[in-house]
């Protein structure tokens, strides 16, 4: 399983077009959950970094 949702989205669209709606829906939900997990993980690391090392000014 890759941790990027691009290939999963492509396979979901392909399954849906082929008429397999259950597999397409399942894959699109999986892609959405992967994207949410990446966003939450990045946000937590960024929040940790800002709180401990400061934001600084650019």
PDB file of N, CA and C in Angstrom:
ATOM      1  N   UNK A   1       0.840  -1.179   0.000  1.00  0.00           N
ATOM      2  CA  UNK A   1       0.000   0.000   0.000  1.00  0.00           C
ATOM      3  C   UNK A   1       0.884   1.241   0.000  1.00  0.00           C
ATOM      4  N   UNK A   2       0.692   2.081  -0.967  1.00  0.00           N
ATOM      5  CA  UNK A   2       1.428   3.334  -1.027  1.00  0.00           C
ATOM      6  C   UNK A   2       0.785   4.362  -0.113  1.00  0.00           C
ATOM      7  N   UNK A   3       1.589   5.279   0.381  1.00  0.00           N
ATOM      8  CA  UNK A   3       1.052   6.311   1.255  1.00  0.00           C
ATOM      9  C   UNK A   3       0.777   7.612   0.522  1.00  0.00           C
ATOM     10  N   UNK A   4       0.529   7.500  -0.766  1.00  0.00           N
ATOM     11  CA  UNK A   4       0.064   8.642  -1.542  1.00  0.00           C
ATOM     12  C   UNK A   4      -1.247   8.229  -2.210  1.00  0.00           C
ATOM     13  N   UNK A   5      -2.253   9.085  -2.171  1.00  0.00           N
ATOM     14  CA  UNK A   5      -3.570   8.665  -2.653  1.00  0.00           C
ATOM     15  C   UNK A   5      -3.770   8.727  -4.164  1.00  0.00           C
ATOM     16  N   UNK A   6      -2.791   9.141  -4.936  1.00  0.00           N
ATOM     17  CA  UNK A   6      -2.983   9.335  -6.377  1.00  0.00           C
ATOM     18  C   UNK A   6      -3.336   8.068  -7.127  1.00  0.00           C
ATOM     19  N   UNK A   7      -2.566   7.009  -6.912  1.00  0.00           N
ATOM     20  CA  UNK A   7      -2.823   5.748  -7.598  1.00  0.00           C
ATOM     21  C   UNK A   7      -4.151   5.139  -7.150  1.00  0.00           C
ATOM     22  N   UNK A   8      -4.474   5.283  -5.880  1.00  0.00           N
ATOM     23  CA  UNK A   8      -5.736   4.753  -5.369  1.00  0.00           C
ATOM     24  C   UNK A   8      -6.926   5.478  -5.984  1.00  0.00           C
ATOM     25  N   UNK A   9      -6.807   6.783  -6.168  1.00  0.00           N
ATOM     26  CA  UNK A   9      -7.883   7.547  -6.812  1.00  0.00           C
ATOM     27  C   UNK A   9      -8.054   7.096  -8.260  1.00  0.00           C
ATOM     28  N   UNK A  10      -6.938   6.885  -8.946  1.00  0.00           N
ATOM     29  CA  UNK A  10      -6.994   6.418 -10.330  1.00  0.00           C
ATOM     30  C   UNK A  10      -7.678   5.064 -10.422  1.00  0.00           C
ATOM     31  N   UNK A  11      -7.322   4.151  -9.541  1.00  0.00           N
ATOM     32  CA  UNK A  11      -7.950   2.829  -9.538  1.00  0.00           C
ATOM     33  C   UNK A  11      -9.430   2.907  -9.161  1.00  0.00           C
ATOM     34  N   UNK A  12      -9.783   3.834  -8.276  1.00  0.00           N
ATOM     35  CA  UNK A  12     -11.186   3.999  -7.901  1.00  0.00           C
ATOM     36  C   UNK A  12     -12.011   4.468  -9.092  1.00  0.00           C
ATOM     37  N   UNK A  13     -11.489   5.420  -9.848  1.00  0.00           N
ATOM     38  CA  UNK A  13     -12.200   5.903 -11.030  1.00  0.00           C
ATOM     39  C   UNK A  13     -12.315   4.792 -12.064  1.00  0.00           C
ATOM     40  N   UNK A  14     -11.233   4.046 -12.244  1.00  0.00           N
ATOM     41  CA  UNK A  14     -11.241   2.941 -13.213  1.00  0.00           C
ATOM     42  C   UNK A  14     -12.278   1.879 -12.818  1.00  0.00           C
ATOM     43  N   UNK A  15     -12.329   1.522 -11.526  1.00  0.00           N
ATOM     44  CA  UNK A  15     -13.305   0.537 -11.066  1.00  0.00           C
ATOM     45  C   UNK A  15     -14.735   1.037 -11.243  1.00  0.00           C
ATOM     46  N   UNK A  16     -14.951   2.318 -10.955  1.00  0.00           N
ATOM     47  CA  UNK A  16     -16.294   2.879 -11.084  1.00  0.00           C
ATOM     48  C   UNK A  16     -16.739   2.900 -12.541  1.00  0.00           C
ATOM     49  N   UNK A  17     -15.844   3.284 -13.439  1.00  0.00           N
ATOM     50  CA  UNK A  17     -16.184   3.301 -14.863  1.00  0.00           C
ATOM     51  C   UNK A  17     -16.453   1.891 -15.370  1.00  0.00           C
ATOM     52  N   UNK A  18     -15.713   0.915 -14.842  1.00  0.00           N
ATOM     53  CA  UNK A  18     -15.899  -0.477 -15.263  1.00  0.00           C
ATOM     54  C   UNK A  18     -17.187  -1.078 -14.708  1.00  0.00           C
ATOM     55  N   UNK A  19     -17.868  -0.367 -13.824  1.00  0.00           N
ATOM     56  CA  UNK A  19     -19.141  -0.835 -13.309  1.00  0.00           C
ATOM     57  C   UNK A  19     -19.072  -1.472 -11.937  1.00  0.00           C
ATOM     58  N   UNK A  20     -17.894  -1.525 -11.336  1.00  0.00           N
ATOM     59  CA  UNK A  20     -17.749  -2.119 -10.011  1.00  0.00           C
ATOM     60  C   UNK A  20     -17.840  -1.005  -8.970  1.00  0.00           C
ATOM     61  N   UNK A  21     -19.070  -0.656  -8.616  1.00  0.00           N
ATOM     62  CA  UNK A  21     -19.299   0.496  -7.751  1.00  0.00           C
ATOM     63  C   UNK A  21     -18.837   0.266  -6.324  1.00  0.00           C
ATOM     64  N   UNK A  22     -18.934  -0.964  -5.830  1.00  0.00           N
ATOM     65  CA  UNK A  22     -18.510  -1.249  -4.456  1.00  0.00           C
ATOM     66  C   UNK A  22     -16.994  -1.072  -4.318  1.00  0.00           C
ATOM     67  N   UNK A  23     -16.233  -1.632  -5.252  1.00  0.00           N
ATOM     68  CA  UNK A  23     -14.775  -1.491  -5.207  1.00  0.00           C
ATOM     69  C   UNK A  23     -14.365  -0.034  -5.421  1.00  0.00           C
ATOM     70  N   UNK A  24     -15.039   0.665  -6.319  1.00  0.00           N
ATOM     71  CA  UNK A  24     -14.728   2.071  -6.562  1.00  0.00           C
ATOM     72  C   UNK A  24     -14.970   2.933  -5.338  1.00  0.00           C
ATOM     73  N   UNK A  25     -16.095   2.701  -4.682  1.00  0.00           N
ATOM     74  CA  UNK A  25     -16.409   3.450  -3.467  1.00  0.00           C
ATOM     75  C   UNK A  25     -15.419   3.130  -2.362  1.00  0.00           C
ATOM     76  N   UNK A  26     -15.087   1.866  -2.228  1.00  0.00           N
ATOM     77  CA  UNK A  26     -14.126   1.452  -1.208  1.00  0.00           C
ATOM     78  C   UNK A  26     -12.767   2.098  -1.432  1.00  0.00           C
ATOM     79  N   UNK A  27     -12.329   2.130  -2.667  1.00  0.00           N
ATOM     80  CA  UNK A  27     -11.016   2.717  -2.961  1.00  0.00           C
ATOM     81  C   UNK A  27     -11.014   4.231  -2.792  1.00  0.00           C
ATOM     82  N   UNK A  28     -12.117   4.891  -3.120  1.00  0.00           N
ATOM     83  CA  UNK A  28     -12.140   6.344  -2.961  1.00  0.00           C
ATOM     84  C   UNK A  28     -12.159   6.713  -1.482  1.00  0.00           C
ATOM     85  N   UNK A  29     -12.826   5.905  -0.655  1.00  0.00           N
ATOM     86  CA  UNK A  29     -12.801   6.137   0.790  1.00  0.00           C
ATOM     87  C   UNK A  29     -11.397   5.900   1.334  1.00  0.00           C
ATOM     88  N   UNK A  30     -10.732   4.858   0.839  1.00  0.00           N
ATOM     89  CA  UNK A  30      -9.355   4.591   1.257  1.00  0.00           C
ATOM     90  C   UNK A  30      -8.438   5.754   0.884  1.00  0.00           C
ATOM     91  N   UNK A  31      -8.589   6.284  -0.317  1.00  0.00           N
ATOM     92  CA  UNK A  31      -7.765   7.416  -0.750  1.00  0.00           C
ATOM     93  C   UNK A  31      -8.026   8.648   0.110  1.00  0.00           C
ATOM     94  N   UNK A  32      -9.285   8.882   0.447  1.00  0.00           N
ATOM     95  CA  UNK A  32      -9.635  10.015   1.299  1.00  0.00           C
ATOM     96  C   UNK A  32      -9.010   9.863   2.683  1.00  0.00           C
ATOM     97  N   UNK A  33      -9.068   8.657   3.247  1.00  0.00           N
ATOM     98  CA  UNK A  33      -8.491   8.432   4.573  1.00  0.00           C
ATOM     99  C   UNK A  33      -6.970   8.579   4.554  1.00  0.00           C
ATOM    100  N   UNK A  34      -6.329   8.140   3.487  1.00  0.00           N
ATOM    101  CA  UNK A  34      -4.880   8.319   3.367  1.00  0.00           C
ATOM    102  C   UNK A  34      -4.543   9.807   3.305  1.00  0.00           C
ATOM    103  N   UNK A  35      -5.301  10.564   2.523  1.00  0.00           N
ATOM    104  CA  UNK A  35      -5.052  12.004   2.407  1.00  0.00           C
ATOM    105  C   UNK A  35      -5.256  12.708   3.750  1.00  0.00           C
ATOM    106  N   UNK A  36      -6.290  12.307   4.480  1.00  0.00           N
ATOM    107  CA  UNK A  36      -6.540  12.895   5.799  1.00  0.00           C
ATOM    108  C   UNK A  36      -5.411  12.541   6.763  1.00  0.00           C
ATOM    109  N   UNK A  37      -4.938  11.294   6.725  1.00  0.00           N
ATOM    110  CA  UNK A  37      -3.846  10.876   7.603  1.00  0.00           C
ATOM    111  C   UNK A  37      -2.569  11.656   7.306  1.00  0.00           C
ATOM    112  N   UNK A  38      -2.277  11.880   6.032  1.00  0.00           N
ATOM    113  CA  UNK A  38      -1.095  12.672   5.667  1.00  0.00           C
ATOM    114  C   UNK A  38      -1.241  14.107   6.177  1.00  0.00           C
ATOM    115  N   UNK A  39      -2.421  14.685   6.014  1.00  0.00           N
ATOM    116  CA  UNK A  39      -2.651  16.062   6.452  1.00  0.00           C
ATOM    117  C   UNK A  39      -2.552  16.192   7.971  1.00  0.00           C
ATOM    118  N   UNK A  40      -3.147  15.258   8.699  1.00  0.00           N
ATOM    119  CA  UNK A  40      -3.108  15.309  10.161  1.00  0.00           C
ATOM    120  C   UNK A  40      -1.682  15.103  10.663  1.00  0.00           C
ATOM    121  N   UNK A  41      -0.979  14.141  10.101  1.00  0.00           N
ATOM    122  CA  UNK A  41       0.403  13.898  10.509  1.00  0.00           C
ATOM    123  C   UNK A  41       1.296  15.099  10.249  1.00  0.00           C
ATOM    124  N   UNK A  42       1.155  15.701   9.087  1.00  0.00           N
ATOM    125  CA  UNK A  42       1.947  16.894   8.770  1.00  0.00           C
ATOM    126  C   UNK A  42       1.590  18.046   9.704  1.00  0.00           C
ATOM    127  N   UNK A  43       0.320  18.194   9.991  1.00  0.00           N
ATOM    128  CA  UNK A  43      -0.117  19.254  10.899  1.00  0.00           C
ATOM    129  C   UNK A  43       0.411  19.070  12.308  1.00  0.00           C
ATOM    130  N   UNK A  44       0.429  17.821  12.786  1.00  0.00           N
ATOM    131  CA  UNK A  44       0.953  17.560  14.125  1.00  0.00           C
ATOM    132  C   UNK A  44       2.447  17.852  14.210  1.00  0.00           C
ATOM    133  N   UNK A  45       3.188  17.429  13.216  1.00  0.00           N
ATOM    134  CA  UNK A  45       4.632  17.696  13.204  1.00  0.00           C
ATOM    135  C   UNK A  45       4.887  19.197  13.117  1.00  0.00           C
ATOM    136  N   UNK A  46       4.145  19.878  12.270  1.00  0.00           N
ATOM    137  CA  UNK A  46       4.314  21.326  12.135  1.00  0.00           C
ATOM    138  C   UNK A  46       3.966  22.036  13.437  1.00  0.00           C
ATOM    139  N   UNK A  47       2.888  21.614  14.099  1.00  0.00           N
ATOM    140  CA  UNK A  47       2.484  22.202  15.369  1.00  0.00           C
ATOM    141  C   UNK A  47       3.551  21.969  16.439  1.00  0.00           C
ATOM    142  N   UNK A  48       4.089  20.753  16.484  1.00  0.00           N
ATOM    143  CA  UNK A  48       5.160  20.434  17.427  1.00  0.00           C
ATOM    144  C   UNK A  48       6.376  21.315  17.171  1.00  0.00           C
ATOM    145  N   UNK A  49       6.744  21.463  15.914  1.00  0.00           N
ATOM    146  CA  UNK A  49       7.921  22.248  15.549  1.00  0.00           C
ATOM    147  C   UNK A  49       7.747  23.709  15.969  1.00  0.00           C
ATOM    148  N   UNK A  50       6.588  24.268  15.698  1.00  0.00           N
ATOM    149  CA  UNK A  50       6.329  25.668  16.038  1.00  0.00           C
ATOM    150  C   UNK A  50       6.326  25.865  17.549  1.00  0.00           C
ATOM    151  N   UNK A  51       5.718  24.928  18.295  1.00  0.00           N
ATOM    152  CA  UNK A  51       5.619  25.113  19.740  1.00  0.00           C
ATOM    153  C   UNK A  51       6.962  24.943  20.441  1.00  0.00           C
ATOM    154  N   UNK A  52       7.837  24.105  19.942  1.00  0.00           N
ATOM    155  CA  UNK A  52       9.109  23.872  20.617  1.00  0.00           C
ATOM    156  C   UNK A  52      10.264  24.705  20.062  1.00  0.00           C
ATOM    157  N   UNK A  53      10.261  25.014  18.808  1.00  0.00           N
ATOM    158  CA  UNK A  53      11.380  25.736  18.215  1.00  0.00           C
ATOM    159  C   UNK A  53      11.016  27.150  17.779  1.00  0.00           C
ATOM    160  N   UNK A  54       9.772  27.513  17.956  1.00  0.00           N
ATOM    161  CA  UNK A  54       9.340  28.856  17.616  1.00  0.00           C
ATOM    162  C   UNK A  54       9.110  29.038  16.126  1.00  0.00           C
ATOM    163  N   UNK A  55       8.286  29.997  15.809  1.00  0.00           N
ATOM    164  CA  UNK A  55       7.946  30.233  14.416  1.00  0.00           C
ATOM    165  C   UNK A  55       9.000  31.020  13.669  1.00  0.00           C
ATOM    166  N   UNK A  56       9.573  31.977  14.343  1.00  0.00           N
ATOM    167  CA  UNK A  56      10.555  32.806  13.660  1.00  0.00           C
ATOM    168  C   UNK A  56       9.890  33.716  12.646  1.00  0.00           C
ATOM    169  N   UNK A  57      10.602  34.690  12.214  1.00  0.00           N
ATOM    170  CA  UNK A  57      10.067  35.580  11.186  1.00  0.00           C
ATOM    171  C   UNK A  57      10.895  35.423   9.929  1.00  0.00           C
ATOM    172  N   UNK A  58      10.215  35.425   8.839  1.00  0.00           N
ATOM    173  CA  UNK A  58      10.890  35.232   7.551  1.00  0.00           C
ATOM    174  C   UNK A  58      11.121  36.570   6.899  1.00  0.00           C
TER     175      UNK A  58
END
